[in-house]
Structure formats: structure tokens, C-alpha cells
Amino acid sequence: MENLDADFTTTTDLKISREARSFLLIASRWANFLAITGFIVIGLMTISTLVIMGKFGSLGFETLISLGSLVIYIFPTLYMYRFARTMRQGLEENRQNGVDESFENLKSLFKFLGIFTIVMISIYVLVFIFATVGLSTGSFRW
């Protein structure tokens, strides 16, 4: 795979058309909006989790799940924000390394989401298997 990447970058000069540049700029603006919205949601959820935790005075399982999901949610939001910022700067300043860095963040976003999806599907499959086995053996009751 690395040989293909090396061959591709040395033999091809990629040009970004005016139309593609416009699409990328619009995508970066929407990504920026979504990332800022994500940061606001993370902040509000953190505050509400802490308030609920303070009101009930416990660090229960639900609180840990909530805080854990907030930590997980930070990563894709951060990658999206970095994509938006570096793409906009790269296009406005006509800097290739800015556009490259932007695509690296986009790659990281998709990689994170892909791995997260695989983990979640695996958890669902395991829960389904354990629930099926539990119901069939009679050890699980409603």
C-alpha cells in the first residue's frame, strides 16, 4: 500500500478545480458549524451530568456511561473541527500542506467512526448472543 501511495504522489500532479475548491470550502463551513455545535452539546451534556451527579450524590453506572460517551464524542468533533479549520485556511491561503493536513484530519475522522462502528456492532452481537443464550436456558427472566 505504501508503494502505491509513493508512486501516486510522484507521478501525478493533482489540480483542484474552481468548482471542487468551492465544494471543499462549503464542506469546511458546514463541518465547522457541526463541530462547534458538537462542542456546545458536549459542554451542555457535561454540565447536566455533573449537576445530576451532584444532586444525587453518586457516581453510578449511568454517570460513568454518560461521561465515557462524552469523552468518546470529543474525538470525532475535534477531527471535524480541525478538518474545517485547516481546509478553509489551506484554500484561502492556497497552501497545499494546509489542504493535506485537512484531509489527514478527515481521514482520522472516518477511521475513528469506522472503528467505533465496528466496536458497537460487536457489542450488539455479543449482547444478542448472551440474551439469546440466557432466554433459551431460562436463566434470564423478565
N, C-alpha and C. Protein backbone atom coordinates (compact mmCIF):
# COMPACT_ATOMS: atom_id res chain seq x y z
N MET A 1 0.83 -1.19 0.00
CA MET A 1 0.00 0.00 0.00
C MET A 1 0.87 1.25 0.00
N GLU A 2 1.96 1.23 0.75
CA GLU A 2 2.83 2.39 0.80
C GLU A 2 3.48 2.65 -0.55
N ASN A 3 3.82 1.59 -1.28
CA ASN A 3 4.42 1.77 -2.60
C ASN A 3 3.45 2.44 -3.55
N LEU A 4 2.16 2.07 -3.46
CA LEU A 4 1.17 2.72 -4.31
C LEU A 4 1.07 4.20 -3.98
N ASP A 5 1.06 4.51 -2.68
CA ASP A 5 0.99 5.91 -2.28
C ASP A 5 2.20 6.69 -2.78
N ALA A 6 3.38 6.11 -2.66
CA ALA A 6 4.60 6.79 -3.09
C ALA A 6 4.59 6.99 -4.61
N ASP A 7 4.18 5.97 -5.36
CA ASP A 7 4.11 6.09 -6.81
C ASP A 7 3.09 7.13 -7.23
N PHE A 8 1.96 7.15 -6.54
CA PHE A 8 0.89 8.08 -6.90
C PHE A 8 1.34 9.52 -6.72
N THR A 9 1.99 9.82 -5.60
CA THR A 9 2.36 11.21 -5.33
C THR A 9 3.50 11.69 -6.23
N THR A 10 4.34 10.80 -6.71
CA THR A 10 5.44 11.25 -7.55
C THR A 10 5.07 11.34 -9.01
N THR A 11 4.02 10.63 -9.44
CA THR A 11 3.69 10.62 -10.86
C THR A 11 2.49 11.47 -11.22
N THR A 12 1.78 12.01 -10.22
CA THR A 12 0.56 12.74 -10.52
C THR A 12 0.59 14.11 -9.86
N ASP A 13 0.26 15.10 -10.61
CA ASP A 13 0.06 16.43 -10.05
C ASP A 13 -1.43 16.69 -10.03
N LEU A 14 -1.99 16.71 -8.86
CA LEU A 14 -3.42 16.90 -8.70
C LEU A 14 -3.73 18.39 -8.73
N LYS A 15 -4.68 18.75 -9.52
CA LYS A 15 -5.15 20.13 -9.58
C LYS A 15 -6.57 20.16 -9.01
N ILE A 16 -6.84 21.16 -8.21
CA ILE A 16 -8.18 21.33 -7.67
C ILE A 16 -8.89 22.38 -8.51
N SER A 17 -9.97 21.97 -9.14
CA SER A 17 -10.71 22.90 -9.99
C SER A 17 -11.40 23.95 -9.13
N ARG A 18 -11.84 24.99 -9.77
CA ARG A 18 -12.54 26.06 -9.08
C ARG A 18 -13.83 25.52 -8.44
N GLU A 19 -14.49 24.62 -9.15
CA GLU A 19 -15.72 24.03 -8.63
C GLU A 19 -15.43 23.14 -7.40
N ALA A 20 -14.39 22.31 -7.48
CA ALA A 20 -14.01 21.46 -6.35
C ALA A 20 -13.58 22.31 -5.16
N ARG A 21 -12.86 23.39 -5.42
CA ARG A 21 -12.44 24.30 -4.35
C ARG A 21 -13.67 24.89 -3.66
N SER A 22 -14.66 25.26 -4.45
CA SER A 22 -15.90 25.81 -3.89
C SER A 22 -16.61 24.75 -3.03
N PHE A 23 -16.69 23.52 -3.52
CA PHE A 23 -17.32 22.44 -2.76
C PHE A 23 -16.59 22.18 -1.45
N LEU A 24 -15.26 22.18 -1.49
CA LEU A 24 -14.47 21.94 -0.29
C LEU A 24 -14.64 23.08 0.72
N LEU A 25 -14.72 24.30 0.23
CA LEU A 25 -14.92 25.45 1.12
C LEU A 25 -16.28 25.38 1.79
N ILE A 26 -17.31 25.04 1.02
CA ILE A 26 -18.66 24.88 1.59
C ILE A 26 -18.68 23.74 2.60
N ALA A 27 -18.03 22.61 2.26
CA ALA A 27 -17.97 21.47 3.18
C ALA A 27 -17.26 21.86 4.47
N SER A 28 -16.20 22.66 4.35
CA SER A 28 -15.47 23.07 5.56
C SER A 28 -16.33 23.99 6.43
N ARG A 29 -17.14 24.82 5.82
CA ARG A 29 -18.03 25.69 6.61
C ARG A 29 -19.08 24.88 7.35
N TRP A 30 -19.67 23.88 6.67
CA TRP A 30 -20.65 23.01 7.33
C TRP A 30 -19.98 22.17 8.42
N ALA A 31 -18.79 21.68 8.16
CA ALA A 31 -18.05 20.91 9.16
C ALA A 31 -17.76 21.77 10.38
N ASN A 32 -17.41 23.02 10.16
CA ASN A 32 -17.15 23.95 11.26
C ASN A 32 -18.42 24.16 12.09
N PHE A 33 -19.54 24.37 11.42
CA PHE A 33 -20.83 24.52 12.11
C PHE A 33 -21.15 23.28 12.95
N LEU A 34 -21.00 22.10 12.34
CA LEU A 34 -21.30 20.86 13.05
C LEU A 34 -20.34 20.64 14.23
N ALA A 35 -19.08 20.98 14.05
CA ALA A 35 -18.10 20.80 15.13
C ALA A 35 -18.39 21.75 16.29
N ILE A 36 -18.68 23.00 16.00
CA ILE A 36 -19.00 23.96 17.06
C ILE A 36 -20.27 23.53 17.79
N THR A 37 -21.26 23.09 17.03
CA THR A 37 -22.48 22.57 17.64
C THR A 37 -22.16 21.37 18.53
N GLY A 38 -21.28 20.50 18.04
CA GLY A 38 -20.87 19.34 18.83
C GLY A 38 -20.19 19.73 20.12
N PHE A 39 -19.31 20.73 20.07
CA PHE A 39 -18.64 21.19 21.29
C PHE A 39 -19.65 21.78 22.28
N ILE A 40 -20.64 22.50 21.78
CA ILE A 40 -21.68 23.07 22.65
C ILE A 40 -22.47 21.94 23.30
N VAL A 41 -22.85 20.93 22.52
CA VAL A 41 -23.59 19.79 23.07
C VAL A 41 -22.76 19.06 24.11
N ILE A 42 -21.47 18.87 23.85
CA ILE A 42 -20.59 18.22 24.82
C ILE A 42 -20.56 19.02 26.11
N GLY A 43 -20.44 20.33 25.99
CA GLY A 43 -20.42 21.18 27.18
C GLY A 43 -21.72 21.10 27.97
N LEU A 44 -22.86 21.18 27.28
CA LEU A 44 -24.15 21.12 27.96
C LEU A 44 -24.37 19.76 28.62
N MET A 45 -23.98 18.70 27.93
CA MET A 45 -24.14 17.36 28.49
C MET A 45 -23.21 17.16 29.69
N THR A 46 -22.02 17.72 29.63
CA THR A 46 -21.10 17.62 30.76
C THR A 46 -21.68 18.33 31.97
N ILE A 47 -22.18 19.54 31.76
CA ILE A 47 -22.79 20.30 32.86
C ILE A 47 -23.98 19.55 33.44
N SER A 48 -24.85 19.04 32.58
CA SER A 48 -26.03 18.33 33.08
C SER A 48 -25.64 17.05 33.82
N THR A 49 -24.62 16.35 33.34
CA THR A 49 -24.16 15.15 34.04
C THR A 49 -23.61 15.50 35.41
N LEU A 50 -22.83 16.57 35.48
CA LEU A 50 -22.27 16.99 36.77
C LEU A 50 -23.35 17.47 37.73
N VAL A 51 -24.37 18.17 37.22
CA VAL A 51 -25.47 18.62 38.06
C VAL A 51 -26.25 17.43 38.60
N ILE A 52 -26.55 16.48 37.73
CA ILE A 52 -27.27 15.28 38.17
C ILE A 52 -26.44 14.50 39.17
N MET A 53 -25.15 14.41 38.89
CA MET A 53 -24.24 13.70 39.80
C MET A 53 -24.22 14.40 41.17
N GLY A 54 -24.18 15.73 41.17
CA GLY A 54 -24.18 16.48 42.42
C GLY A 54 -25.51 16.38 43.16
N LYS A 55 -26.60 16.38 42.42
CA LYS A 55 -27.92 16.31 43.04
C LYS A 55 -28.15 14.98 43.72
N PHE A 56 -27.76 13.89 43.05
CA PHE A 56 -27.99 12.57 43.61
C PHE A 56 -26.79 12.06 44.41
N GLY A 57 -25.67 12.78 44.33
CA GLY A 57 -24.53 12.47 45.16
C GLY A 57 -23.89 11.11 44.92
N SER A 58 -24.00 10.62 43.70
CA SER A 58 -23.39 9.31 43.44
C SER A 58 -22.71 9.30 42.09
N LEU A 59 -21.74 8.45 41.98
CA LEU A 59 -21.05 8.24 40.72
C LEU A 59 -21.47 6.85 40.23
N GLY A 60 -22.72 6.76 39.81
CA GLY A 60 -23.29 5.48 39.40
C GLY A 60 -22.88 5.07 38.00
N PHE A 61 -23.35 3.91 37.61
CA PHE A 61 -23.06 3.35 36.31
C PHE A 61 -23.52 4.27 35.19
N GLU A 62 -24.70 4.86 35.35
CA GLU A 62 -25.24 5.76 34.33
C GLU A 62 -24.36 6.99 34.14
N THR A 63 -23.83 7.50 35.24
CA THR A 63 -22.96 8.67 35.18
C THR A 63 -21.66 8.33 34.46
N LEU A 64 -21.11 7.17 34.78
CA LEU A 64 -19.88 6.75 34.10
C LEU A 64 -20.10 6.54 32.61
N ILE A 65 -21.23 5.97 32.25
CA ILE A 65 -21.56 5.79 30.83
C ILE A 65 -21.69 7.15 30.15
N SER A 66 -22.35 8.08 30.81
CA SER A 66 -22.53 9.42 30.24
C SER A 66 -21.20 10.13 30.05
N LEU A 67 -20.36 10.10 31.07
CA LEU A 67 -19.05 10.75 30.96
C LEU A 67 -18.17 10.05 29.92
N GLY A 68 -18.24 8.73 29.87
CA GLY A 68 -17.47 7.97 28.87
C GLY A 68 -17.89 8.30 27.46
N SER A 69 -19.20 8.41 27.23
CA SER A 69 -19.65 8.75 25.88
C SER A 69 -19.28 10.17 25.51
N LEU A 70 -19.21 11.06 26.49
CA LEU A 70 -18.77 12.43 26.20
C LEU A 70 -17.30 12.45 25.78
N VAL A 71 -16.49 11.66 26.46
CA VAL A 71 -15.07 11.58 26.10
C VAL A 71 -14.93 11.03 24.68
N ILE A 72 -15.70 9.99 24.36
CA ILE A 72 -15.65 9.40 23.02
C ILE A 72 -16.11 10.42 21.98
N TYR A 73 -17.13 11.20 22.27
CA TYR A 73 -17.70 12.17 21.33
C TYR A 73 -16.74 13.32 21.04
N ILE A 74 -15.82 13.57 21.95
CA ILE A 74 -14.86 14.67 21.74
C ILE A 74 -13.99 14.42 20.51
N PHE A 75 -13.55 13.18 20.32
CA PHE A 75 -12.59 12.89 19.24
C PHE A 75 -13.14 13.18 17.84
N PRO A 76 -14.30 12.64 17.45
CA PRO A 76 -14.78 12.98 16.10
C PRO A 76 -15.09 14.46 15.93
N THR A 77 -15.54 15.09 17.01
CA THR A 77 -15.83 16.52 16.93
C THR A 77 -14.55 17.32 16.73
N LEU A 78 -13.50 16.93 17.42
CA LEU A 78 -12.21 17.60 17.27
C LEU A 78 -11.64 17.39 15.87
N TYR A 79 -11.70 16.15 15.37
CA TYR A 79 -11.22 15.89 14.00
C TYR A 79 -12.01 16.71 12.98
N MET A 80 -13.32 16.83 13.17
CA MET A 80 -14.14 17.60 12.23
C MET A 80 -13.78 19.08 12.29
N TYR A 81 -13.55 19.59 13.49
CA TYR A 81 -13.17 20.99 13.63
C TYR A 81 -11.82 21.26 12.97
N ARG A 82 -10.87 20.36 13.19
CA ARG A 82 -9.55 20.53 12.57
C ARG A 82 -9.63 20.44 11.05
N PHE A 83 -10.47 19.54 10.55
CA PHE A 83 -10.67 19.45 9.10
C PHE A 83 -11.17 20.78 8.57
N ALA A 84 -12.20 21.31 9.21
CA ALA A 84 -12.82 22.55 8.75
C ALA A 84 -11.83 23.71 8.77
N ARG A 85 -11.11 23.85 9.87
CA ARG A 85 -10.18 24.97 10.02
C ARG A 85 -9.04 24.90 9.02
N THR A 86 -8.40 23.73 8.91
CA THR A 86 -7.24 23.63 8.02
C THR A 86 -7.63 23.65 6.55
N MET A 87 -8.80 23.13 6.22
CA MET A 87 -9.25 23.18 4.82
C MET A 87 -9.51 24.63 4.42
N ARG A 88 -10.22 25.35 5.26
CA ARG A 88 -10.53 26.76 4.96
C ARG A 88 -9.24 27.57 4.82
N GLN A 89 -8.32 27.39 5.76
CA GLN A 89 -7.05 28.13 5.71
C GLN A 89 -6.24 27.73 4.48
N GLY A 90 -6.18 26.44 4.20
CA GLY A 90 -5.40 25.97 3.06
C GLY A 90 -5.93 26.51 1.74
N LEU A 91 -7.26 26.54 1.61
CA LEU A 91 -7.85 27.04 0.38
C LEU A 91 -7.72 28.56 0.27
N GLU A 92 -7.94 29.26 1.37
CA GLU A 92 -7.87 30.72 1.33
C GLU A 92 -6.44 31.22 1.11
N GLU A 93 -5.46 30.49 1.68
CA GLU A 93 -4.06 30.89 1.55
C GLU A 93 -3.34 30.14 0.43
N ASN A 94 -4.08 29.29 -0.25
CA ASN A 94 -3.53 28.49 -1.36
C ASN A 94 -2.29 27.69 -0.92
N ARG A 95 -2.42 27.05 0.27
CA ARG A 95 -1.33 26.26 0.84
C ARG A 95 -1.65 24.77 0.71
N GLN A 96 -0.83 24.05 -0.04
CA GLN A 96 -1.04 22.63 -0.24
C GLN A 96 -0.94 21.85 1.07
N ASN A 97 0.04 22.22 1.93
CA ASN A 97 0.20 21.47 3.18
C ASN A 97 -1.00 21.67 4.11
N GLY A 98 -1.69 22.80 4.02
CA GLY A 98 -2.91 23.01 4.80
C GLY A 98 -4.03 22.10 4.33
N VAL A 99 -4.16 21.98 3.01
CA VAL A 99 -5.18 21.09 2.44
C VAL A 99 -4.83 19.63 2.78
N ASP A 100 -3.56 19.28 2.70
CA ASP A 100 -3.13 17.92 3.06
C ASP A 100 -3.44 17.61 4.51
N GLU A 101 -3.13 18.55 5.40
CA GLU A 101 -3.42 18.36 6.83
C GLU A 101 -4.91 18.22 7.06
N SER A 102 -5.68 18.97 6.30
CA SER A 102 -7.12 18.89 6.42
C SER A 102 -7.63 17.50 6.05
N PHE A 103 -7.12 16.97 4.94
CA PHE A 103 -7.53 15.63 4.53
C PHE A 103 -7.05 14.57 5.53
N GLU A 104 -5.93 14.81 6.17
CA GLU A 104 -5.46 13.89 7.21
C GLU A 104 -6.45 13.84 8.37
N ASN A 105 -6.98 15.00 8.75
CA ASN A 105 -7.99 15.05 9.82
C ASN A 105 -9.29 14.40 9.37
N LEU A 106 -9.65 14.57 8.11
CA LEU A 106 -10.85 13.92 7.59
C LEU A 106 -10.68 12.40 7.61
N LYS A 107 -9.47 11.94 7.23
CA LYS A 107 -9.17 10.51 7.28
C LYS A 107 -9.27 10.00 8.71
N SER A 108 -8.75 10.76 9.67
CA SER A 108 -8.81 10.36 11.08
C SER A 108 -10.25 10.30 11.58
N LEU A 109 -11.07 11.24 11.13
CA LEU A 109 -12.48 11.24 11.50
C LEU A 109 -13.16 9.97 11.01
N PHE A 110 -12.98 9.64 9.73
CA PHE A 110 -13.61 8.45 9.18
C PHE A 110 -13.05 7.17 9.79
N LYS A 111 -11.76 7.15 10.06
CA LYS A 111 -11.14 5.98 10.69
C LYS A 111 -11.73 5.78 12.09
N PHE A 112 -11.83 6.86 12.87
CA PHE A 112 -12.41 6.77 14.20
C PHE A 112 -13.85 6.26 14.13
N LEU A 113 -14.64 6.85 13.24
CA LEU A 113 -16.04 6.44 13.12
C LEU A 113 -16.16 5.00 12.66
N GLY A 114 -15.28 4.56 11.77
CA GLY A 114 -15.30 3.18 11.31
C GLY A 114 -14.98 2.21 12.43
N ILE A 115 -13.93 2.49 13.18
CA ILE A 115 -13.55 1.62 14.30
C ILE A 115 -14.64 1.62 15.36
N PHE A 116 -15.20 2.79 15.65
CA PHE A 116 -16.27 2.89 16.63
C PHE A 116 -17.49 2.08 16.18
N THR A 117 -17.80 2.14 14.90
CA THR A 117 -18.93 1.37 14.37
C THR A 117 -18.68 -0.12 14.51
N ILE A 118 -17.47 -0.57 14.21
CA ILE A 118 -17.14 -1.99 14.36
C ILE A 118 -17.26 -2.42 15.82
N VAL A 119 -16.77 -1.60 16.74
CA VAL A 119 -16.87 -1.92 18.17
C VAL A 119 -18.33 -2.00 18.60
N MET A 120 -19.15 -1.03 18.18
CA MET A 120 -20.55 -1.03 18.58
C MET A 120 -21.31 -2.22 17.99
N ILE A 121 -21.04 -2.57 16.74
CA ILE A 121 -21.69 -3.74 16.14
C ILE A 121 -21.28 -4.99 16.91
N SER A 122 -20.01 -5.09 17.27
CA SER A 122 -19.53 -6.25 18.04
C SER A 122 -20.24 -6.34 19.39
N ILE A 123 -20.40 -5.21 20.05
CA ILE A 123 -21.10 -5.21 21.34
C ILE A 123 -22.55 -5.65 21.16
N TYR A 124 -23.21 -5.14 20.13
CA TYR A 124 -24.60 -5.54 19.88
C TYR A 124 -24.70 -7.03 19.59
N VAL A 125 -23.77 -7.57 18.83
CA VAL A 125 -23.78 -9.00 18.53
C VAL A 125 -23.59 -9.80 19.81
N LEU A 126 -22.65 -9.38 20.65
CA LEU A 126 -22.42 -10.09 21.92
C LEU A 126 -23.65 -10.02 22.83
N VAL A 127 -24.26 -8.86 22.93
CA VAL A 127 -25.48 -8.73 23.74
C VAL A 127 -26.57 -9.63 23.19
N PHE A 128 -26.72 -9.67 21.89
CA PHE A 128 -27.73 -10.52 21.26
C PHE A 128 -27.46 -12.00 21.57
N ILE A 129 -26.20 -12.40 21.46
CA ILE A 129 -25.84 -13.80 21.74
C ILE A 129 -26.11 -14.14 23.20
N PHE A 130 -25.66 -13.29 24.12
CA PHE A 130 -25.87 -13.56 25.54
C PHE A 130 -27.36 -13.54 25.90
N ALA A 131 -28.11 -12.64 25.32
CA ALA A 131 -29.55 -12.59 25.58
C ALA A 131 -30.23 -13.84 25.04
N THR A 132 -29.85 -14.27 23.85
CA THR A 132 -30.44 -15.47 23.26
C THR A 132 -30.12 -16.70 24.10
N VAL A 133 -28.87 -16.84 24.50
CA VAL A 133 -28.47 -17.97 25.34
C VAL A 133 -29.19 -17.90 26.68
N GLY A 134 -29.26 -16.72 27.26
CA GLY A 134 -29.94 -16.56 28.55
C GLY A 134 -31.41 -16.89 28.48
N LEU A 135 -32.06 -16.46 27.42
CA LEU A 135 -33.50 -16.76 27.27
C LEU A 135 -33.73 -18.23 26.98
N SER A 136 -32.87 -18.84 26.19
CA SER A 136 -33.07 -20.24 25.83
C SER A 136 -32.78 -21.19 26.99
N THR A 137 -31.90 -20.81 27.90
CA THR A 137 -31.60 -21.66 29.05
C THR A 137 -32.52 -21.37 30.23
N GLY A 138 -33.28 -20.33 30.16
CA GLY A 138 -34.19 -19.98 31.23
C GLY A 138 -33.53 -19.24 32.38
N SER A 139 -32.27 -18.88 32.22
CA SER A 139 -31.59 -18.17 33.31
C SER A 139 -31.88 -16.67 33.29
N PHE A 140 -32.48 -16.21 32.23
CA PHE A 140 -32.84 -14.79 32.11
C PHE A 140 -34.35 -14.67 32.17
N ARG A 141 -34.85 -13.88 33.09
CA ARG A 141 -36.31 -13.72 33.22
C ARG A 141 -36.66 -12.23 33.15
N TRP A 142 -37.83 -11.95 32.59
CA TRP A 142 -38.33 -10.59 32.53
C TRP A 142 -38.83 -10.26 33.86
